[in-house]
Amino acid sequence: MKVLPWAEFTSDLPEDHIEEGPYIVQFGGKSVAAAIGEMLERLGCTVSPPIYAHEHGWELDVQAGRRRMWGQVTLIEGCIFVFEDTSLIDKMLGRRNKVYLDTLMSLSEALAQDSRFHDVRWYSGADLLTGKPGAKAPVID
């Protein structure tokens, strides 16, 4: 099984990037992060409000049952989204938790069905922004 936690897509939501003269006051992506947070809540997760991460965009702290996960939206020629399981033990052992995988797959389906999001493709970190076509789903057998 291959897990592709990075998504690249476009969105009809406002970019909400704020500039004052030559200065960036707020990087965009908050509306996209909020929409993804709402999707995760409909999937039964507890989700923080979007957390400002400056040039990295907006982060979400997510919990499904006892499993903690994390997401981040960054605007770079469209939207870049990463969704990860925060368990260090699972990362060290090279295993994937079922709650994380189910949440990732359900979120992928929700993004694909939401008319505000377009051309959603999933990648490994190494393949992101390379011009490769990407996958339609984040988990490949």
Protein backbone atom coordinates (compact mmCIF):
# COMPACT_ATOMS: atom_id res chain seq x y z
CA MET A 1 0.00 0.00 0.00
CA LYS A 2 1.23 3.48 -0.89
CA VAL A 3 -0.06 6.53 1.00
CA LEU A 4 0.00 9.90 -0.75
CA PRO A 5 -0.68 12.55 1.92
CA TRP A 6 -0.17 15.61 -0.31
CA ALA A 7 -2.94 17.07 -2.49
CA GLU A 8 -2.79 19.72 -5.16
CA PHE A 9 -5.99 21.37 -6.41
CA THR A 10 -7.74 24.60 -7.31
CA SER A 11 -10.63 26.15 -5.43
CA ASP A 12 -13.39 28.67 -6.01
CA LEU A 13 -13.05 29.92 -2.42
CA PRO A 14 -11.55 33.37 -1.82
CA GLU A 15 -7.76 33.44 -1.56
CA ASP A 16 -8.05 35.87 1.39
CA HIS A 17 -4.45 37.03 0.94
CA ILE A 18 -4.02 40.46 2.57
CA GLU A 19 -1.38 43.00 1.55
CA GLU A 20 -0.79 46.54 2.77
CA GLY A 21 1.47 48.29 0.30
CA PRO A 22 4.56 46.14 -0.22
CA TYR A 23 3.89 44.08 2.93
CA ILE A 24 2.01 40.82 3.26
CA VAL A 25 -0.19 41.10 6.33
CA GLN A 26 -1.76 37.65 5.98
CA PHE A 27 -1.01 34.80 3.61
CA GLY A 28 -4.05 33.27 1.96
CA GLY A 29 -5.73 29.92 2.34
CA LYS A 30 -7.79 30.42 5.49
CA SER A 31 -11.11 29.93 3.67
CA VAL A 32 -9.84 26.67 2.13
CA ALA A 33 -8.55 25.44 5.50
CA ALA A 34 -11.89 26.31 7.13
CA ALA A 35 -13.82 24.43 4.42
CA ILE A 36 -11.60 21.35 4.84
CA GLY A 37 -12.03 21.61 8.61
CA GLU A 38 -15.82 21.60 8.15
CA MET A 39 -15.55 18.49 5.96
CA LEU A 40 -13.49 16.74 8.63
CA GLU A 41 -16.04 17.71 11.29
CA ARG A 42 -18.82 16.18 9.15
CA LEU A 43 -16.69 13.02 9.08
CA GLY A 44 -16.83 12.95 12.89
CA CYS A 45 -13.48 14.57 13.70
CA THR A 46 -12.80 17.31 16.20
CA VAL A 47 -11.01 20.12 14.36
CA SER A 48 -9.33 23.31 15.55
CA PRO A 49 -10.14 26.59 13.84
CA PRO A 50 -7.52 27.37 11.16
CA ILE A 51 -4.19 28.30 12.78
CA TYR A 52 -2.11 30.94 10.98
CA ALA A 53 1.31 29.59 9.95
CA HIS A 54 2.55 32.69 8.07
CA GLU A 55 4.14 31.81 4.69
CA HIS A 56 3.23 28.15 5.25
CA GLY A 57 -0.47 29.03 5.16
CA TRP A 58 -3.00 27.63 7.60
CA GLU A 59 -2.87 24.57 9.82
CA LEU A 60 -5.57 22.33 11.29
CA ASP A 61 -5.24 20.15 14.38
CA VAL A 62 -7.53 17.16 13.91
CA GLN A 63 -8.61 14.38 16.21
CA ALA A 64 -10.61 11.27 15.28
CA GLY A 65 -11.28 9.22 18.38
CA ARG A 66 -7.92 9.03 20.14
CA ARG A 67 -5.91 9.56 16.94
CA ARG A 68 -4.34 12.98 16.37
CA MET A 69 -3.73 14.23 12.85
CA TRP A 70 -2.57 17.47 11.28
CA GLY A 71 -3.30 19.30 8.07
CA GLN A 72 -1.90 22.37 6.35
CA VAL A 73 -3.13 24.45 3.41
CA THR A 74 -0.64 26.58 1.47
CA LEU A 75 -1.37 28.66 -1.62
CA ILE A 76 1.31 28.15 -4.28
CA GLU A 77 -0.08 28.50 -7.80
CA GLY A 78 -3.27 26.87 -6.50
CA CYS A 79 -3.76 25.00 -3.27
CA ILE A 80 -1.37 22.55 -1.65
CA PHE A 81 -2.72 20.46 1.21
CA VAL A 82 -0.98 17.90 3.39
CA PHE A 83 -2.74 15.61 5.86
CA GLU A 84 -0.62 13.54 8.22
CA ASP A 85 -0.91 11.20 11.17
CA THR A 86 1.12 12.72 14.01
CA SER A 87 2.08 9.40 15.68
CA LEU A 88 5.88 9.24 15.92
CA ILE A 89 5.75 5.56 16.90
CA ASP A 90 3.80 4.63 13.75
CA LYS A 91 6.22 6.67 11.61
CA MET A 92 9.24 4.98 13.20
CA LEU A 93 7.72 1.53 12.67
CA GLY A 94 6.59 2.37 9.14
CA ARG A 95 2.96 1.50 9.77
CA ARG A 96 -0.27 3.32 8.98
CA ASN A 97 -3.15 3.56 11.42
CA LYS A 98 -6.60 2.51 10.15
CA VAL A 99 -8.30 5.60 11.62
CA TYR A 100 -5.86 7.84 9.74
CA LEU A 101 -6.26 5.92 6.47
CA ASP A 102 -10.06 5.91 6.74
CA THR A 103 -10.11 9.64 7.50
CA LEU A 104 -7.75 10.40 4.62
CA MET A 105 -9.85 8.37 2.16
CA SER A 106 -13.12 9.90 3.38
CA LEU A 107 -11.65 13.39 3.13
CA SER A 108 -10.49 12.63 -0.41
CA GLU A 109 -14.03 11.59 -1.37
CA ALA A 110 -15.48 14.72 0.26
CA LEU A 111 -13.05 16.97 -1.65
CA ALA A 112 -13.89 15.20 -4.92
CA GLN A 113 -17.63 15.69 -4.36
CA ASP A 114 -17.46 19.35 -3.28
CA SER A 115 -18.05 21.68 -6.25
CA ARG A 116 -15.75 24.34 -4.72
CA PHE A 117 -12.68 22.12 -5.29
CA HIS A 118 -11.32 21.14 -8.71
CA ASP A 119 -8.73 18.79 -10.16
CA VAL A 120 -7.77 17.23 -6.82
CA ARG A 121 -4.69 15.03 -7.25
CA TRP A 122 -2.70 13.21 -4.55
CA TYR A 123 1.10 12.92 -4.31
CA SER A 124 4.00 11.75 -2.22
CA GLY A 125 6.14 14.62 -0.93
CA ALA A 126 8.82 13.78 -3.51
CA ASP A 127 6.38 14.02 -6.45
CA LEU A 128 4.57 17.19 -5.40
CA LEU A 129 4.98 20.15 -7.77
CA THR A 130 6.98 18.07 -10.26
CA GLY A 131 4.40 18.15 -13.05
CA LYS A 132 3.63 14.46 -12.63
CA PRO A 133 -0.10 13.66 -13.03
CA GLY A 134 -0.83 12.61 -9.44
CA ALA A 135 -3.39 10.04 -8.28
CA LYS A 136 -7.15 10.39 -7.87
CA ALA A 137 -7.00 8.77 -4.41
CA PRO A 138 -4.50 9.12 -1.57
CA VAL A 139 -4.22 5.41 -0.86
CA ILE A 140 -3.09 3.02 -3.59
CA ASP A 141 -2.94 -0.74 -3.13
